Protein backbone atom coordinates (compact mmCIF):
# COMPACT_ATOMS: atom_id res chain seq x y z
CA UNK A 1 8.59 22.00 -1.09
CA UNK A 2 5.63 19.69 -1.29
CA UNK A 3 2.05 20.73 -0.68
CA UNK A 4 1.89 18.91 2.65
CA UNK A 5 3.76 20.30 5.61
CA UNK A 6 5.85 18.02 7.77
CA UNK A 7 5.42 17.93 11.52
CA UNK A 8 8.44 19.22 13.42
CA UNK A 9 8.84 18.36 17.12
CA UNK A 10 10.97 20.86 19.01
CA UNK A 11 12.27 20.88 22.56
CA UNK A 12 13.19 24.35 23.82
CA UNK A 13 15.62 24.82 26.68
CA UNK A 14 15.22 28.54 27.09
CA UNK A 15 13.61 31.32 29.09
CA UNK A 16 13.68 33.95 26.35
CA UNK A 17 10.02 33.77 25.36
CA UNK A 18 10.23 36.73 22.99
CA UNK A 19 12.86 35.07 20.81
CA UNK A 20 11.12 31.68 21.04
CA UNK A 21 7.83 33.21 19.87
CA UNK A 22 9.54 34.80 16.84
CA UNK A 23 11.35 31.53 16.12
CA UNK A 24 8.11 29.53 16.32
CA UNK A 25 6.39 31.88 13.90
CA UNK A 26 9.26 31.50 11.44
CA UNK A 27 9.28 27.71 11.68
CA UNK A 28 5.49 27.50 11.38
CA UNK A 29 5.71 29.01 7.89
CA UNK A 30 7.35 25.76 6.76
CA UNK A 31 6.26 23.07 9.23
CA UNK A 32 3.53 22.11 11.65
CA UNK A 33 5.19 22.31 15.05
CA UNK A 34 4.90 20.58 18.38
CA UNK A 35 6.82 22.33 21.11
CA UNK A 36 7.85 21.47 24.63
CA UNK A 37 9.79 23.78 26.93
CA UNK A 38 12.11 22.84 29.79
CA UNK A 39 14.33 24.89 32.10
CA UNK A 40 16.30 22.32 34.09
CA UNK A 41 18.17 19.15 33.23
CA UNK A 42 15.66 17.04 35.18
CA UNK A 43 12.79 18.52 33.17
CA UNK A 44 14.67 17.81 29.95
CA UNK A 45 15.19 14.20 31.00
CA UNK A 46 11.52 13.74 31.91
CA UNK A 47 10.37 15.31 28.64
CA UNK A 48 12.75 13.21 26.53
CA UNK A 49 11.52 9.98 28.10
CA UNK A 50 8.04 10.54 26.66
CA UNK A 51 8.65 12.91 23.75
CA UNK A 52 10.37 12.23 20.43
CA UNK A 53 11.97 15.54 19.52
CA UNK A 54 13.40 16.24 16.07
CA UNK A 55 15.56 19.10 17.34
CA UNK A 56 16.62 20.58 20.68
CA UNK A 57 16.96 24.36 20.74
CA UNK A 58 19.32 25.32 23.58
CA UNK A 59 19.66 28.94 24.62
CA UNK A 60 23.01 29.83 26.15
CA UNK A 61 22.34 31.21 29.61
CA UNK A 62 24.03 30.85 33.00
CA UNK A 63 20.88 29.53 34.66
CA UNK A 64 20.11 26.90 31.98
CA UNK A 65 21.79 23.52 31.43
CA UNK A 66 25.00 23.71 29.43
CA UNK A 67 25.67 22.03 26.10
CA UNK A 68 27.92 19.32 27.52
CA UNK A 69 25.33 18.38 30.18
CA UNK A 70 22.61 18.04 27.52
CA UNK A 71 24.87 15.87 25.33
CA UNK A 72 25.73 13.65 28.32
CA UNK A 73 22.03 13.25 29.04
CA UNK A 74 21.29 12.32 25.42
CA UNK A 75 24.14 9.80 25.46
CA UNK A 76 22.87 8.30 28.71
CA UNK A 77 19.34 7.99 27.26
CA UNK A 78 20.73 6.47 24.06
CA UNK A 79 19.16 9.10 21.81
CA UNK A 80 20.72 11.12 19.03
CA UNK A 81 18.87 14.40 18.64
CA UNK A 82 20.53 17.33 16.89
CA UNK A 83 21.09 20.39 19.08
CA UNK A 84 20.81 23.98 17.88
CA UNK A 85 22.66 26.28 20.27
CA UNK A 86 21.50 29.89 20.29
CA UNK A 87 24.33 32.11 21.50
CA UNK A 88 23.64 35.70 22.58
CA UNK A 89 26.77 37.24 21.01
CA UNK A 90 29.81 36.60 18.85
CA UNK A 91 32.29 36.77 21.72
CA UNK A 92 31.21 33.43 23.15
CA UNK A 93 32.73 31.59 20.16
CA UNK A 94 30.65 29.30 18.01
CA UNK A 95 33.45 26.76 17.75
CA UNK A 96 33.26 26.20 21.51
CA UNK A 97 29.67 24.98 21.22
CA UNK A 98 30.50 22.80 18.23
CA UNK A 99 33.36 21.22 20.21
CA UNK A 100 30.90 20.53 23.03
CA UNK A 101 28.61 18.68 20.60
CA UNK A 102 26.20 21.18 19.04
CA UNK A 103 25.28 20.38 15.46
CA UNK A 104 24.17 23.96 14.72
CA UNK A 105 25.05 27.32 16.28
CA UNK A 106 23.13 30.54 15.82
CA UNK A 107 25.19 33.49 17.03
CA UNK A 108 23.58 36.76 18.11
CA UNK A 109 20.21 34.96 18.25
CA UNK A 110 19.97 35.03 14.45
CA UNK A 111 16.48 33.81 13.49
CA UNK A 112 17.27 33.07 9.84
CA UNK A 113 20.20 30.83 10.73
CA UNK A 114 18.10 28.99 13.30
CA UNK A 115 15.19 28.46 10.89
CA UNK A 116 17.60 27.27 8.20
CA UNK A 117 19.01 24.72 10.66
CA UNK A 118 15.48 23.40 11.29
CA UNK A 119 14.95 23.08 7.54
CA UNK A 120 18.20 21.09 7.21
CA UNK A 121 17.20 18.73 10.01
CA UNK A 122 13.73 18.17 8.60
CA UNK A 123 15.10 17.59 5.09
CA UNK A 124 17.42 14.98 6.58
CA UNK A 125 14.45 13.29 8.31
CA UNK A 126 12.49 13.24 5.03
CA UNK A 127 15.45 11.72 3.16
CA UNK A 128 15.93 9.10 5.87
CA UNK A 129 12.23 8.19 5.68
CA UNK A 130 12.46 7.84 1.89
CA UNK A 131 15.58 5.70 2.25
CA UNK A 132 13.88 3.41 4.79
CA UNK A 133 10.87 3.07 2.47
CA UNK A 134 13.17 2.17 -0.45
CA UNK A 135 15.03 -0.37 1.71
CA UNK A 136 11.73 -2.05 2.67
CA UNK A 137 10.72 -2.16 -0.99
CA UNK A 138 14.06 -3.67 -2.00
CA UNK A 139 13.84 -6.26 0.77
CA UNK A 140 10.37 -7.21 -0.47
CA UNK A 141 11.64 -7.63 -4.04
CA UNK A 142 14.61 -9.65 -2.79
CA UNK A 143 12.33 -11.92 -0.75
CA UNK A 144 10.00 -12.39 -3.72
CA UNK A 145 12.84 -13.50 -5.99
CA UNK A 146 14.30 -15.62 -3.23
CA UNK A 147 10.95 -17.44 -2.85
CA UNK A 148 10.78 -17.91 -6.62
CA UNK A 149 14.29 -19.32 -6.66
CA UNK A 150 13.64 -21.59 -3.66
CA UNK A 151 10.43 -22.98 -5.18
CA UNK A 152 12.08 -23.88 -8.50
CA UNK A 153 13.81 -27.21 -8.96
CA UNK A 154 17.47 -27.18 -8.14
CA UNK A 155 19.22 -25.65 -11.18
CA UNK A 156 22.29 -27.83 -10.70
CA UNK A 157 20.30 -31.06 -10.89
CA UNK A 158 18.19 -30.13 -13.90
CA UNK A 159 19.20 -29.31 -17.44
CA UNK A 160 17.18 -27.71 -20.23
CA UNK A 161 17.32 -30.20 -23.09
CA UNK A 162 15.26 -29.89 -26.26
CA UNK A 163 12.95 -27.33 -24.64
CA UNK A 164 12.27 -29.50 -21.58
CA UNK A 165 13.80 -29.77 -18.12
CA UNK A 166 15.29 -33.18 -17.61
CA UNK A 167 17.10 -34.72 -14.69
CA UNK A 168 20.84 -34.31 -15.02
CA UNK A 169 22.20 -37.63 -14.06
CA UNK A 170 24.48 -39.66 -16.29
CA UNK A 171 22.10 -42.56 -16.83
CA UNK A 172 19.13 -40.30 -17.71
CA UNK A 173 21.19 -38.22 -20.13
CA UNK A 174 22.69 -41.33 -21.70
CA UNK A 175 19.27 -42.93 -22.24
CA UNK A 176 17.81 -39.65 -23.53
CA UNK A 177 20.64 -39.21 -26.03
CA UNK A 178 20.43 -42.88 -27.14
CA UNK A 179 16.65 -42.63 -27.67
CA UNK A 180 16.99 -39.55 -29.89
CA UNK A 181 19.45 -41.20 -32.33
């Protein structure tokens, strides 16, 4: 990793403060973090209107919004934010959450899996930022060469003859060839 830490914006939908505290400490070893916490779907909507989250951490609980409701909300807001679902046990079935739209699932509240998911998401963000920077650079180079090409005389109308550009029309070429004989 580089010497500078990235900033990671997290939105927690959970009431398990003990697990969240341990998770935050693990993530803070690798990233600077900004956290927001919400308990209801309305709070999540209000937070997402003003806050640009890199990852949503959703704890599976009966009293919290479900995965499908969160995905519907994200679709309605027109945002694509990866969701890490933290399941309390293996019996709930990780594939169920993936089918509902979760990008990552951490069964049995596994901290290492959850932290690894954050690292994957942040690596993706860094690669996307580098790609956007490269695209801007390539567009600048393309525009520079396009301006050079546009400012030159029309290459179809001019011909390099004896080290000089001359007009390529039949009469000019004929007189030029006759004068050189």
